[in-house]
Amino acid sequence: MSVPRLAGTDFGGPQDADLLILGPSLGTSATALWGPAAQQLAEHLRVVAWDLPGHGRTPAAPFRIPDLSAGVLALVDDIAPKSAFHYAGDSIGGAVGLQLMLDAPARLSSATLICTGAAIGRAEDWATRATTVRASGTGAVVEASLQRWFAAGFTDRRPELVAALVDALRLTDDESYAQACEALADFDVTERLAQITAPVLAIAGSDDVATPPESLGRIASGVRHGRLVVLDGVGHLAPVEATEATVNLILNHLLVRDPVYAAGMSVRRDVLGDAHVDRAIAHTTEFTADFQDLITRYAWGSIWTRDGLDRRSRSIVTLTALVARGHHEELAMHLRAARRNGLSNDEIKEVLLQTAIYCGVPDANTAFRIAAQVLADYDSTEGGR
């Protein structure tokens, strides 16, 4: 097959910034799927989203997944010839991201793969859907698509976003939709995941029935440098249903910040663990973003990175301060961090005994109660690995 000429929607961004290419889900358009998220991403990156053949602005053309990979490379070369770029894609767009990392590993600086899989669904189900659309048009799959796309209640909360996606689906060329189904039926790179060397962030929706979290987990564990984040209460179209979380996670994955922030985020992940940090990033809002930046930049990037004390010592100081001030939620978090920093349960016990004398017995009593539960949980999960 010839390389399809993919239409790109340029969302702008600083001209000297890194290039981020956004890939679509089946039956959507670049603007309907990525519009609000792309506008936020364009505050930091040069952002271009592409449409599948027969979808949005791209004319119909025959294709399979490798053809789409070649089409994306051609689109990038029109923008910045032979340059490296970041990529984020949902569903079939994520599958294209995997193919890109296999076809042109030197071109991909990073990939964020959203609600997708190294193989998606069953070939017989894709064949049935292709037959349905060829016979009755894309209108015949609207209701089933809505059930796949979103977690319960979202269509009632954001009807305007849902309406835009339904319009994009109805306007999709029937034959192109059917060919996308057949392309996904043929796609399976499961056995090639270990060849992928670019950093991969896999984002799953907890309520996604089309590509459930285990599908993204296989990608994250199969590539050489992968990480999985599961968004609670989210279906198949995370860029629409969880826009801020998706944007925050993409930006953090790309570390679109200065070196102090990058160093702070690295230490923060080492000390608190990826799961904790990813939850905090995913739940960041416009209201809390500056505080998250402050914590990462100054607490983790300016203090925890200093050479004067090792991390074990910093954990001891931190635990003592948190007991003294009665910050129990932070104490629980830093008890786990202390274990990650190399303190044993016996050493933590000695720290808490010391606080009983210098901070007060009632404070230490509460701290021992919290520590007993936290350390038992740690030993049965992370500590037992």
Protein backbone atom coordinates (compact mmCIF):
# COMPACT_ATOMS: atom_id res chain seq x y z
CA MET A 1 0.00 0.00 0.00
CA SER A 2 1.10 3.59 -0.57
CA VAL A 3 1.76 5.88 2.38
CA PRO A 4 -1.46 7.75 3.28
CA ARG A 5 -1.12 11.53 3.44
CA LEU A 6 -2.33 12.34 6.93
CA ALA A 7 -3.83 15.74 7.70
CA GLY A 8 -2.44 17.38 10.81
CA THR A 9 -4.11 19.96 13.02
CA ASP A 10 -1.50 22.39 14.34
CA PHE A 11 -2.39 23.52 17.85
CA GLY A 12 0.61 25.84 17.96
CA GLY A 13 3.02 26.22 20.83
CA PRO A 14 6.49 27.74 21.17
CA GLN A 15 8.33 27.32 17.87
CA ASP A 16 11.56 26.40 19.66
CA ALA A 17 9.84 23.80 21.87
CA ASP A 18 9.93 20.03 21.42
CA LEU A 19 7.43 18.62 18.93
CA LEU A 20 4.59 16.45 20.27
CA ILE A 21 2.47 14.44 17.81
CA LEU A 22 -0.97 13.30 18.99
CA GLY A 23 -2.68 10.22 17.56
CA PRO A 24 -6.43 9.48 17.35
CA SER A 25 -8.85 6.82 18.48
CA LEU A 26 -11.04 4.99 15.97
CA GLY A 27 -14.05 7.04 14.86
CA THR A 28 -12.77 10.33 16.32
CA SER A 29 -11.15 13.46 14.94
CA ALA A 30 -8.09 15.34 16.18
CA THR A 31 -10.15 18.28 17.43
CA ALA A 32 -12.94 16.23 19.04
CA LEU A 33 -10.54 13.90 20.88
CA TRP A 34 -7.58 16.15 21.66
CA GLY A 35 -8.86 19.75 21.42
CA PRO A 36 -8.86 20.93 25.08
CA ALA A 37 -5.88 18.75 26.03
CA ALA A 38 -3.86 19.90 23.01
CA GLN A 39 -4.44 23.55 23.87
CA GLN A 40 -3.02 22.97 27.35
CA LEU A 41 -0.09 20.95 26.01
CA ALA A 42 0.67 23.74 23.51
CA GLU A 43 1.57 26.03 26.40
CA HIS A 44 4.79 23.98 26.69
CA LEU A 45 5.24 22.09 23.39
CA ARG A 46 4.75 22.42 19.65
CA VAL A 47 1.62 20.27 19.24
CA VAL A 48 0.21 18.67 16.08
CA ALA A 49 -2.57 16.05 16.02
CA TRP A 50 -3.32 13.83 13.02
CA ASP A 51 -6.49 12.23 11.67
CA LEU A 52 -6.96 8.69 10.42
CA PRO A 53 -7.78 8.29 6.72
CA GLY A 54 -11.46 9.03 6.17
CA HIS A 55 -11.66 10.69 9.59
CA GLY A 56 -11.62 14.41 10.32
CA ARG A 57 -9.53 16.24 7.71
CA THR A 58 -7.63 13.29 6.22
CA PRO A 59 -8.97 11.97 2.88
CA ALA A 60 -9.90 8.31 2.59
CA ALA A 61 -7.12 5.92 1.54
CA PRO A 62 -6.38 2.22 2.06
CA PHE A 63 -4.14 1.50 5.06
CA ARG A 64 -2.83 -0.83 7.72
CA ILE A 65 -0.97 0.11 10.92
CA PRO A 66 2.53 0.17 9.31
CA ASP A 67 1.16 2.52 6.62
CA LEU A 68 -0.09 4.89 9.33
CA SER A 69 3.35 4.79 10.98
CA ALA A 70 4.94 5.81 7.68
CA GLY A 71 2.29 8.50 7.27
CA VAL A 72 3.11 10.00 10.67
CA LEU A 73 6.81 10.11 9.81
CA ALA A 74 5.98 11.87 6.54
CA LEU A 75 3.82 14.38 8.44
CA VAL A 76 6.65 15.09 10.87
CA ASP A 77 9.12 15.53 8.02
CA ASP A 78 6.82 18.18 6.54
CA ILE A 79 7.03 20.05 9.85
CA ALA A 80 10.61 19.40 10.94
CA PRO A 81 12.51 17.14 8.52
CA LYS A 82 14.23 14.14 10.10
CA SER A 83 13.82 15.55 13.61
CA ALA A 84 13.09 13.57 16.75
CA PHE A 85 9.69 14.03 18.37
CA HIS A 86 7.49 12.96 21.26
CA TYR A 87 4.33 10.98 20.61
CA ALA A 88 1.04 10.39 22.45
CA GLY A 89 -1.82 8.32 21.07
CA ASP A 90 -5.11 6.82 22.21
CA SER A 91 -6.36 3.38 21.11
CA ILE A 92 -5.41 2.87 17.44
CA GLY A 93 -3.29 6.00 17.82
CA GLY A 94 -1.40 4.21 20.60
CA ALA A 95 -0.95 1.16 18.37
CA VAL A 96 0.61 3.45 15.76
CA GLY A 97 2.93 4.76 18.50
CA LEU A 98 4.17 1.23 19.16
CA GLN A 99 4.70 0.69 15.43
CA LEU A 100 6.61 3.97 15.17
CA MET A 101 9.01 2.94 17.94
CA LEU A 102 9.68 -0.30 16.09
CA ASP A 103 9.96 1.26 12.63
CA ALA A 104 11.94 4.39 13.49
CA PRO A 105 13.41 4.03 17.00
CA ALA A 106 15.83 6.92 16.54
CA ARG A 107 12.98 9.36 15.83
CA LEU A 108 10.89 8.82 18.99
CA SER A 109 12.13 10.69 22.07
CA SER A 110 9.28 9.32 24.19
CA ALA A 111 5.81 7.85 23.85
CA THR A 112 2.67 8.12 25.94
CA LEU A 113 0.36 5.24 25.03
CA ILE A 114 -3.21 5.69 26.21
CA CYS A 115 -6.00 3.09 26.42
CA THR A 116 -4.40 0.84 23.83
CA GLY A 117 -2.60 -2.48 23.50
CA ALA A 118 0.14 -4.39 21.71
CA ALA A 119 -2.85 -6.30 20.32
CA ILE A 120 -6.39 -5.00 20.71
CA GLY A 121 -9.51 -7.15 20.80
CA ARG A 122 -10.31 -10.29 18.81
CA ALA A 123 -10.00 -10.52 15.02
CA GLU A 124 -13.50 -11.98 14.67
CA ASP A 125 -15.05 -9.07 16.59
CA TRP A 126 -13.27 -6.54 14.39
CA ALA A 127 -14.49 -8.39 11.29
CA THR A 128 -18.06 -8.27 12.57
CA ARG A 129 -17.85 -4.55 13.25
CA ALA A 130 -16.35 -3.87 9.83
CA THR A 131 -19.20 -5.78 8.20
CA THR A 132 -21.78 -3.84 10.23
CA VAL A 133 -20.36 -0.46 9.24
CA ARG A 134 -20.02 -1.36 5.57
CA ALA A 135 -23.66 -2.45 5.56
CA SER A 136 -25.26 0.21 7.79
CA GLY A 137 -22.76 3.06 8.21
CA THR A 138 -21.01 4.40 11.31
CA GLY A 139 -24.35 5.47 12.77
CA ALA A 140 -24.94 1.81 13.55
CA VAL A 141 -22.08 1.74 16.08
CA VAL A 142 -22.76 5.02 17.91
CA GLU A 143 -24.45 3.50 20.96
CA ALA A 144 -21.89 0.73 21.34
CA SER A 145 -19.07 3.27 20.95
CA LEU A 146 -20.46 5.48 23.71
CA GLN A 147 -20.54 2.50 26.05
CA ARG A 148 -16.89 1.73 25.26
CA TRP A 149 -15.65 5.29 25.24
CA PHE A 150 -16.76 6.52 28.66
CA ALA A 151 -17.23 5.43 32.24
CA ALA A 152 -20.75 5.56 33.66
CA GLY A 153 -22.14 9.06 34.09
CA PHE A 154 -19.74 10.99 31.86
CA THR A 155 -22.19 11.44 28.99
CA ASP A 156 -24.58 13.17 31.41
CA ARG A 157 -21.85 15.35 32.93
CA ARG A 158 -20.29 16.58 29.68
CA PRO A 159 -22.89 16.25 26.90
CA GLU A 160 -21.18 18.87 24.70
CA LEU A 161 -17.94 16.87 24.53
CA VAL A 162 -19.84 13.67 23.83
CA ALA A 163 -21.88 15.36 21.09
CA ALA A 164 -18.70 16.50 19.30
CA LEU A 165 -17.33 12.96 19.33
CA VAL A 166 -20.61 11.49 18.09
CA ASP A 167 -20.62 14.03 15.24
CA ALA A 168 -17.06 13.04 14.33
CA LEU A 169 -18.05 9.36 14.32
CA ARG A 170 -21.10 9.94 12.12
CA LEU A 171 -19.00 11.96 9.65
CA THR A 172 -16.34 9.24 9.40
CA ASP A 173 -16.11 7.51 6.03
CA ASP A 174 -17.71 4.06 6.39
CA GLU A 175 -15.09 2.20 4.37
CA SER A 176 -12.24 3.91 6.22
CA TYR A 177 -13.76 2.93 9.57
CA ALA A 178 -14.06 -0.67 8.35
CA GLN A 179 -10.44 -0.65 7.18
CA ALA A 180 -9.34 0.59 10.59
CA CYS A 181 -11.16 -2.38 12.14
CA GLU A 182 -9.31 -4.72 9.79
CA ALA A 183 -6.01 -2.98 10.53
CA LEU A 184 -6.52 -3.57 14.25
CA ALA A 185 -7.48 -7.20 13.60
CA ASP A 186 -4.08 -7.67 11.93
CA PHE A 187 -2.08 -5.79 14.57
CA ASP A 188 -0.05 -7.67 17.18
CA VAL A 189 3.43 -6.57 18.28
CA THR A 190 3.36 -8.33 21.65
CA GLU A 191 6.44 -10.40 20.89
CA ARG A 192 8.38 -7.30 19.79
CA LEU A 193 7.82 -5.09 22.83
CA ALA A 194 11.29 -5.83 24.23
CA GLN A 195 12.78 -4.14 21.16
CA ILE A 196 11.31 -0.78 22.19
CA THR A 197 13.90 1.41 23.91
CA ALA A 198 12.24 4.84 24.10
CA PRO A 199 10.69 5.77 27.49
CA VAL A 200 7.04 4.69 27.49
CA LEU A 201 4.27 5.91 29.76
CA ALA A 202 1.21 3.64 29.54
CA ILE A 203 -2.03 5.26 30.75
CA ALA A 204 -5.06 3.04 31.37
CA GLY A 205 -8.63 3.80 32.35
CA SER A 206 -9.88 1.65 35.23
CA ASP A 207 -13.29 1.34 33.51
CA ASP A 208 -11.99 0.76 29.98
CA VAL A 209 -13.50 -2.48 28.69
CA ALA A 210 -11.90 -2.23 25.24
CA THR A 211 -8.29 -2.00 26.46
CA PRO A 212 -8.38 -2.68 30.22
CA PRO A 213 -5.48 -1.86 32.58
CA GLU A 214 -3.86 -5.27 32.07
CA SER A 215 -3.50 -4.43 28.37
CA LEU A 216 -1.47 -1.33 29.23
CA GLY A 217 0.34 -3.26 31.93
CA ARG A 218 1.64 -5.69 29.32
CA ILE A 219 3.08 -2.77 27.37
CA ALA A 220 4.67 -1.14 30.43
CA SER A 221 6.30 -4.39 31.56
CA GLY A 222 7.21 -5.51 28.04
CA VAL A 223 9.17 -2.49 26.80
CA ARG A 224 12.60 -1.71 28.23
CA HIS A 225 11.64 1.51 30.01
CA GLY A 226 7.92 1.51 30.77
CA ARG A 227 5.63 2.81 33.49
CA LEU A 228 1.91 2.21 34.05
CA VAL A 229 -0.62 4.68 35.45
CA VAL A 230 -4.28 3.72 35.93
CA LEU A 231 -6.83 6.55 36.05
CA ASP A 232 -9.76 5.73 38.33
CA GLY A 233 -13.27 6.05 36.90
CA VAL A 234 -12.09 6.59 33.32
CA GLY A 235 -13.10 4.72 30.17
CA HIS A 236 -11.46 4.46 26.73
CA LEU A 237 -11.02 8.14 25.79
CA ALA A 238 -8.88 9.46 28.63
CA PRO A 239 -7.86 12.70 26.82
CA VAL A 240 -11.56 13.70 26.89
CA GLU A 241 -12.74 12.16 30.14
CA ALA A 242 -9.64 12.99 32.21
CA THR A 243 -8.12 15.91 30.33
CA GLU A 244 -6.11 17.49 33.14
CA ALA A 245 -4.76 14.18 34.39
CA THR A 246 -3.73 13.17 30.86
CA VAL A 247 -2.03 16.51 30.22
CA ASN A 248 -0.21 16.45 33.57
CA LEU A 249 1.04 12.93 33.02
CA ILE A 250 2.26 13.65 29.48
CA LEU A 251 4.09 16.79 30.55
CA ASN A 252 5.67 15.06 33.51
CA HIS A 253 6.72 12.12 31.33
CA LEU A 254 8.46 14.57 29.02
CA LEU A 255 9.86 16.54 32.01
CA VAL A 256 8.96 19.83 30.36
CA ARG A 257 10.61 21.83 33.12
CA ASP A 258 14.03 23.19 34.08
CA PRO A 259 16.89 21.02 35.44
CA VAL A 260 16.02 21.76 39.09
CA TYR A 261 12.47 20.49 38.55
CA ALA A 262 13.75 17.44 36.65
CA ALA A 263 16.22 16.59 39.43
CA GLY A 264 13.53 17.09 42.05
CA MET A 265 11.09 14.83 40.24
CA SER A 266 13.74 12.14 39.92
CA VAL A 267 14.46 12.19 43.68
CA ARG A 268 10.75 12.42 44.50
CA ARG A 269 10.11 9.26 42.49
CA ASP A 270 13.07 7.45 44.08
CA VAL A 271 11.92 8.30 47.61
CA LEU A 272 8.11 8.12 47.36
CA GLY A 273 7.73 5.65 44.49
CA ASP A 274 6.24 6.03 41.01
CA ALA A 275 2.73 5.03 42.07
CA HIS A 276 2.44 7.77 44.70
CA VAL A 277 3.94 10.46 42.45
CA ASP A 278 1.82 9.48 39.46
CA ARG A 279 -1.35 9.70 41.58
CA ALA A 280 -0.34 13.17 42.75
CA ILE A 281 0.39 14.31 39.20
CA ALA A 282 -2.83 12.85 37.81
CA HIS A 283 -4.88 14.65 40.47
CA THR A 284 -3.17 18.00 39.97
CA THR A 285 -5.59 20.77 39.04
CA GLU A 286 -5.10 24.33 37.87
CA PHE A 287 -5.60 25.36 41.51
CA THR A 288 -2.96 22.97 42.91
CA ALA A 289 -0.44 23.00 40.04
CA ASP A 290 1.73 25.79 41.45
CA PHE A 291 1.93 24.03 44.83
CA GLN A 292 2.98 20.76 43.17
CA ASP A 293 5.63 22.68 41.24
CA LEU A 294 6.83 24.34 44.45
CA ILE A 295 7.15 21.02 46.29
CA THR A 296 8.98 19.33 43.43
CA ARG A 297 11.29 22.24 42.71
CA TYR A 298 12.25 23.34 46.24
CA ALA A 299 11.61 20.46 48.65
CA TRP A 300 12.82 17.71 46.33
CA GLY A 301 14.97 19.62 43.83
CA SER A 302 16.76 22.01 46.20
CA ILE A 303 16.85 20.20 49.58
CA TRP A 304 16.61 16.44 49.05
CA THR A 305 19.24 16.68 46.27
CA ARG A 306 21.89 18.28 48.52
CA ASP A 307 25.03 16.29 49.35
CA GLY A 308 25.28 17.28 53.04
CA LEU A 309 23.09 14.42 54.32
CA ASP A 310 22.34 11.03 52.83
CA ARG A 311 18.73 10.03 52.25
CA ARG A 312 18.60 7.80 55.33
CA SER A 313 19.53 10.79 57.50
CA ARG A 314 17.03 13.02 55.75
CA SER A 315 14.32 10.46 56.43
CA ILE A 316 15.20 10.40 60.14
CA VAL A 317 15.00 14.20 60.33
CA THR A 318 11.73 14.25 58.41
CA LEU A 319 10.06 11.59 60.55
CA THR A 320 11.03 13.46 63.73
CA ALA A 321 9.65 16.75 62.41
CA LEU A 322 6.38 15.16 61.30
CA VAL A 323 5.83 13.49 64.69
CA ALA A 324 6.56 16.76 66.46
CA ARG A 325 4.09 18.69 64.32
CA GLY A 326 1.42 15.98 64.25
CA HIS A 327 1.29 15.73 60.47
CA HIS A 328 -0.05 12.19 60.41
CA GLU A 329 -0.89 11.82 56.70
CA GLU A 330 2.60 13.00 55.76
CA LEU A 331 4.05 10.75 58.48
CA ALA A 332 2.48 7.68 56.87
CA MET A 333 3.89 8.68 53.48
CA HIS A 334 7.38 9.28 54.87
CA LEU A 335 7.41 6.04 56.87
CA ARG A 336 7.13 4.25 53.54
CA ALA A 337 9.77 6.60 52.13
CA ALA A 338 12.09 5.80 55.04
CA ARG A 339 11.92 2.12 54.19
CA ARG A 340 12.65 2.93 50.54
CA ASN A 341 15.62 4.98 51.75
CA GLY A 342 17.06 1.98 53.61
CA LEU A 343 15.86 2.32 57.20
CA SER A 344 14.81 -0.92 58.84
CA ASN A 345 11.73 -1.29 61.03
CA ASP A 346 14.00 -1.47 64.09
CA GLU A 347 15.72 1.79 63.14
CA ILE A 348 12.36 3.49 62.63
CA LYS A 349 11.32 2.20 66.08
CA GLU A 350 14.41 3.84 67.59
CA VAL A 351 13.56 7.14 65.87
CA LEU A 352 10.04 7.04 67.30
CA LEU A 353 11.34 6.16 70.79
CA GLN A 354 13.60 9.20 70.57
CA THR A 355 10.61 11.36 69.65
CA ALA A 356 8.79 10.14 72.76
CA ILE A 357 11.42 11.89 74.89
CA TYR A 358 11.92 15.05 72.85
CA CYS A 359 8.51 15.53 71.18
CA GLY A 360 6.19 14.00 73.79
CA VAL A 361 4.74 10.60 74.64
CA PRO A 362 1.23 11.30 73.22
CA ASP A 363 2.74 12.29 69.85
CA ALA A 364 4.95 9.21 69.82
CA ASN A 365 2.02 7.01 70.83
CA THR A 366 0.08 8.14 67.76
CA ALA A 367 3.17 7.74 65.60
CA PHE A 368 3.69 4.14 66.78
CA ARG A 369 0.06 3.34 65.98
CA ILE A 370 0.40 4.74 62.45
CA ALA A 371 3.79 3.09 61.93
CA ALA A 372 2.55 -0.34 62.99
CA GLN A 373 -0.05 -0.35 60.21
CA VAL A 374 2.09 1.35 57.55
CA LEU A 375 5.13 -0.86 58.07
CA ALA A 376 3.04 -4.04 58.13
CA ASP A 377 1.46 -3.00 54.83
CA TYR A 378 4.87 -2.14 53.39
CA ASP A 379 6.36 -5.49 54.40
CA SER A 380 3.47 -7.39 52.81
CA THR A 381 3.74 -5.51 49.50
CA GLU A 382 6.87 -3.59 48.49
CA GLY A 383 9.04 -4.95 51.27
CA GLY A 384 8.26 -8.51 50.29
CA ARG A 385 9.38 -8.15 46.69
